[in-house]
């Protein structure tokens, strides 16, 4: 069975747990190195997810902030020929 992709929150929680274990200290060197490596991989995955979210937000901003087409603007603005 294929494991579902972990969410950002799940990955971040695992990263926090890994950091906490390292900060407690008292671990053998090999275990500390393994936890450090795991933490770096988790941090990289979290950063990749944050980067992807940032790109998506930029794209949404650009799309939603794009000026309306002239035809759309003309339909929305009530023209009063009497003022001309």
N, C-alpha and C. Protein backbone atom coordinates (compact mmCIF):
# COMPACT_ATOMS: atom_id res chain seq x y z
N UNK A 1 0.84 -1.19 0.00
CA UNK A 1 0.00 0.00 0.00
C UNK A 1 0.88 1.25 0.00
N UNK A 2 0.54 2.20 -0.84
CA UNK A 2 1.32 3.41 -0.97
C UNK A 2 0.97 4.40 0.15
N UNK A 3 1.99 4.97 0.76
CA UNK A 3 1.79 5.94 1.83
C UNK A 3 1.33 7.27 1.22
N UNK A 4 0.32 7.88 1.86
CA UNK A 4 -0.16 9.17 1.39
C UNK A 4 0.90 10.24 1.63
N UNK A 5 0.87 11.25 0.79
CA UNK A 5 1.81 12.35 0.93
C UNK A 5 1.52 13.11 2.22
N UNK A 6 2.56 13.36 3.00
CA UNK A 6 2.39 14.06 4.27
C UNK A 6 2.12 15.54 4.03
N UNK A 7 1.32 16.10 4.91
CA UNK A 7 1.03 17.53 4.82
C UNK A 7 2.19 18.33 5.39
N UNK A 8 2.16 19.62 5.12
CA UNK A 8 3.18 20.51 5.67
C UNK A 8 3.18 20.42 7.20
N UNK A 9 1.97 20.44 7.77
CA UNK A 9 1.85 20.42 9.22
C UNK A 9 2.44 19.15 9.83
N UNK A 10 2.23 18.02 9.17
CA UNK A 10 2.79 16.75 9.66
C UNK A 10 4.32 16.77 9.58
N UNK A 11 4.84 17.24 8.46
CA UNK A 11 6.29 17.32 8.30
C UNK A 11 6.91 18.27 9.32
N UNK A 12 6.25 19.40 9.53
CA UNK A 12 6.78 20.39 10.48
C UNK A 12 6.76 19.84 11.90
N UNK A 13 5.70 19.11 12.25
CA UNK A 13 5.62 18.49 13.57
C UNK A 13 6.77 17.50 13.76
N UNK A 14 7.04 16.69 12.73
CA UNK A 14 8.16 15.73 12.81
C UNK A 14 9.48 16.47 12.95
N UNK A 15 9.63 17.57 12.24
CA UNK A 15 10.86 18.37 12.34
C UNK A 15 11.03 18.90 13.76
N UNK A 16 9.95 19.42 14.34
CA UNK A 16 10.03 19.94 15.71
C UNK A 16 10.41 18.83 16.69
N UNK A 17 9.86 17.64 16.51
CA UNK A 17 10.19 16.52 17.38
C UNK A 17 11.66 16.12 17.24
N UNK A 18 12.14 16.13 16.02
CA UNK A 18 13.54 15.78 15.76
C UNK A 18 14.48 16.79 16.41
N UNK A 19 14.16 18.06 16.26
CA UNK A 19 14.98 19.12 16.87
C UNK A 19 14.96 18.99 18.39
N UNK A 20 13.79 18.70 18.96
CA UNK A 20 13.68 18.55 20.41
C UNK A 20 14.57 17.41 20.92
N UNK A 21 14.59 16.29 20.19
CA UNK A 21 15.44 15.16 20.58
C UNK A 21 16.92 15.55 20.56
N UNK A 22 17.30 16.29 19.52
CA UNK A 22 18.70 16.73 19.43
C UNK A 22 19.04 17.71 20.54
N UNK A 23 18.12 18.60 20.86
CA UNK A 23 18.38 19.60 21.90
C UNK A 23 18.47 18.97 23.29
N UNK A 24 17.76 17.85 23.49
CA UNK A 24 17.84 17.16 24.79
C UNK A 24 19.25 16.66 25.05
N UNK A 25 19.93 16.27 23.98
CA UNK A 25 21.29 15.79 24.12
C UNK A 25 21.35 14.39 24.72
N UNK A 26 22.55 13.95 25.03
CA UNK A 26 22.75 12.65 25.65
C UNK A 26 22.62 11.48 24.68
N UNK A 27 22.57 11.76 23.41
CA UNK A 27 22.44 10.69 22.41
C UNK A 27 23.82 10.27 21.92
N UNK A 28 23.93 9.01 21.52
CA UNK A 28 25.19 8.59 20.89
C UNK A 28 25.41 9.38 19.60
N UNK A 29 26.65 9.52 19.22
CA UNK A 29 27.00 10.30 18.05
C UNK A 29 26.25 9.84 16.80
N UNK A 30 26.23 8.53 16.55
CA UNK A 30 25.56 8.02 15.34
C UNK A 30 24.07 8.36 15.33
N UNK A 31 23.42 8.27 16.49
CA UNK A 31 22.00 8.62 16.57
C UNK A 31 21.80 10.11 16.34
N UNK A 32 22.69 10.93 16.89
CA UNK A 32 22.62 12.37 16.67
C UNK A 32 22.79 12.72 15.20
N UNK A 33 23.72 12.06 14.54
CA UNK A 33 23.93 12.31 13.10
C UNK A 33 22.71 11.89 12.29
N UNK A 34 22.13 10.75 12.64
CA UNK A 34 20.94 10.28 11.93
C UNK A 34 19.78 11.26 12.12
N UNK A 35 19.60 11.74 13.33
CA UNK A 35 18.53 12.71 13.59
C UNK A 35 18.80 14.03 12.87
N UNK A 36 20.05 14.44 12.85
CA UNK A 36 20.41 15.68 12.15
C UNK A 36 20.08 15.54 10.66
N UNK A 37 20.46 14.42 10.08
CA UNK A 37 20.18 14.19 8.66
C UNK A 37 18.68 14.18 8.40
N UNK A 38 17.93 13.50 9.26
CA UNK A 38 16.48 13.46 9.11
C UNK A 38 15.89 14.87 9.22
N UNK A 39 16.39 15.63 10.17
CA UNK A 39 15.92 17.00 10.34
C UNK A 39 16.19 17.88 9.13
N UNK A 40 17.37 17.72 8.56
CA UNK A 40 17.69 18.50 7.36
C UNK A 40 16.78 18.13 6.19
N UNK A 41 16.50 16.84 6.04
CA UNK A 41 15.60 16.41 4.96
C UNK A 41 14.18 16.93 5.19
N UNK A 42 13.72 16.88 6.43
CA UNK A 42 12.40 17.41 6.75
C UNK A 42 12.34 18.91 6.51
N UNK A 43 13.38 19.62 6.91
CA UNK A 43 13.44 21.07 6.71
C UNK A 43 13.40 21.40 5.22
N UNK A 44 14.11 20.63 4.42
CA UNK A 44 14.12 20.86 2.97
C UNK A 44 12.73 20.65 2.38
N UNK A 45 12.07 19.57 2.80
CA UNK A 45 10.72 19.30 2.29
C UNK A 45 9.74 20.40 2.71
N UNK A 46 9.85 20.86 3.95
CA UNK A 46 8.99 21.95 4.40
C UNK A 46 9.26 23.21 3.58
N UNK A 47 10.52 23.53 3.35
CA UNK A 47 10.87 24.72 2.58
C UNK A 47 10.36 24.63 1.15
N UNK A 48 10.44 23.45 0.55
CA UNK A 48 9.93 23.26 -0.81
C UNK A 48 8.43 23.51 -0.86
N UNK A 49 7.72 23.05 0.17
CA UNK A 49 6.27 23.26 0.22
C UNK A 49 5.94 24.74 0.41
N UNK A 50 6.72 25.42 1.24
CA UNK A 50 6.52 26.86 1.43
C UNK A 50 6.83 27.63 0.15
N UNK A 51 7.89 27.24 -0.55
CA UNK A 51 8.24 27.89 -1.82
C UNK A 51 7.13 27.72 -2.84
N UNK A 52 6.57 26.50 -2.91
CA UNK A 52 5.47 26.23 -3.86
C UNK A 52 4.25 27.07 -3.50
N UNK A 53 3.97 27.21 -2.22
CA UNK A 53 2.83 28.02 -1.79
C UNK A 53 3.05 29.49 -2.15
N UNK A 54 4.29 29.96 -2.00
CA UNK A 54 4.60 31.35 -2.34
C UNK A 54 4.41 31.61 -3.83
N UNK A 55 4.84 30.67 -4.65
CA UNK A 55 4.67 30.80 -6.10
C UNK A 55 3.17 30.84 -6.44
N UNK A 56 2.42 29.98 -5.81
CA UNK A 56 0.98 29.95 -6.07
C UNK A 56 0.32 31.27 -5.66
N UNK A 57 0.71 31.82 -4.53
CA UNK A 57 0.16 33.10 -4.08
C UNK A 57 0.51 34.21 -5.06
N UNK A 58 1.75 34.23 -5.53
CA UNK A 58 2.16 35.24 -6.53
C UNK A 58 1.32 35.12 -7.79
N UNK A 59 1.13 33.89 -8.25
CA UNK A 59 0.33 33.68 -9.47
C UNK A 59 -1.10 34.15 -9.26
N UNK A 60 -1.67 33.86 -8.11
CA UNK A 60 -3.03 34.31 -7.83
C UNK A 60 -3.11 35.83 -7.79
N UNK A 61 -2.14 36.45 -7.14
CA UNK A 61 -2.12 37.92 -7.08
C UNK A 61 -2.05 38.51 -8.49
N UNK A 62 -1.16 37.97 -9.31
CA UNK A 62 -1.01 38.50 -10.67
C UNK A 62 -2.27 38.29 -11.48
N UNK A 63 -2.89 37.15 -11.33
CA UNK A 63 -4.11 36.84 -12.08
C UNK A 63 -5.26 37.72 -11.62
N UNK A 64 -5.42 37.84 -10.32
CA UNK A 64 -6.55 38.60 -9.80
C UNK A 64 -6.33 40.10 -9.87
N UNK A 65 -5.09 40.53 -9.95
CA UNK A 65 -4.79 41.95 -10.02
C UNK A 65 -4.67 42.45 -11.46
N UNK A 66 -4.77 41.53 -12.41
CA UNK A 66 -4.65 41.92 -13.82
C UNK A 66 -5.80 42.86 -14.18
N UNK A 67 -5.52 43.89 -14.96
CA UNK A 67 -6.59 44.81 -15.36
C UNK A 67 -7.65 44.08 -16.19
N UNK A 68 -8.87 44.51 -16.04
CA UNK A 68 -9.97 43.90 -16.79
C UNK A 68 -9.82 44.24 -18.27
N UNK A 69 -10.35 43.40 -19.09
CA UNK A 69 -10.34 43.66 -20.53
C UNK A 69 -11.17 44.90 -20.81
N UNK A 70 -10.85 45.69 -21.83
CA UNK A 70 -11.59 46.92 -22.12
C UNK A 70 -13.09 46.68 -22.28
N UNK A 71 -13.49 45.57 -22.88
CA UNK A 71 -14.91 45.28 -23.07
C UNK A 71 -15.60 45.11 -21.72
N UNK A 72 -14.93 44.44 -20.77
CA UNK A 72 -15.50 44.23 -19.45
C UNK A 72 -15.66 45.56 -18.72
N UNK A 73 -14.70 46.44 -18.85
CA UNK A 73 -14.74 47.74 -18.19
C UNK A 73 -15.88 48.56 -18.77
N UNK A 74 -16.04 48.55 -20.08
CA UNK A 74 -17.09 49.33 -20.74
C UNK A 74 -18.47 48.89 -20.26
N UNK A 75 -18.65 47.61 -20.03
CA UNK A 75 -19.94 47.11 -19.57
C UNK A 75 -20.22 47.53 -18.13
N UNK A 76 -19.20 47.70 -17.32
CA UNK A 76 -19.37 48.01 -15.91
C UNK A 76 -19.54 49.50 -15.64
N UNK A 77 -19.03 50.37 -16.52
CA UNK A 77 -19.08 51.81 -16.29
C UNK A 77 -20.32 52.38 -16.97
N UNK A 78 -21.17 53.01 -16.18
CA UNK A 78 -22.36 53.64 -16.81
C UNK A 78 -21.93 54.93 -17.52
N UNK A 79 -22.11 54.95 -18.80
CA UNK A 79 -21.71 56.12 -19.59
C UNK A 79 -22.89 57.09 -19.67
N UNK A 80 -22.58 58.34 -19.45
CA UNK A 80 -23.62 59.39 -19.54
C UNK A 80 -23.20 60.32 -20.65
N UNK A 81 -23.82 60.15 -21.80
CA UNK A 81 -23.48 60.97 -22.97
C UNK A 81 -23.81 62.43 -22.78
N UNK A 82 -24.65 62.76 -21.82
CA UNK A 82 -25.05 64.15 -21.59
C UNK A 82 -23.89 64.99 -21.06
N UNK A 83 -22.94 64.36 -20.41
CA UNK A 83 -21.80 65.10 -19.85
C UNK A 83 -20.77 65.44 -20.89
N UNK A 84 -20.80 64.82 -22.03
CA UNK A 84 -19.77 65.03 -23.05
C UNK A 84 -19.91 66.34 -23.74
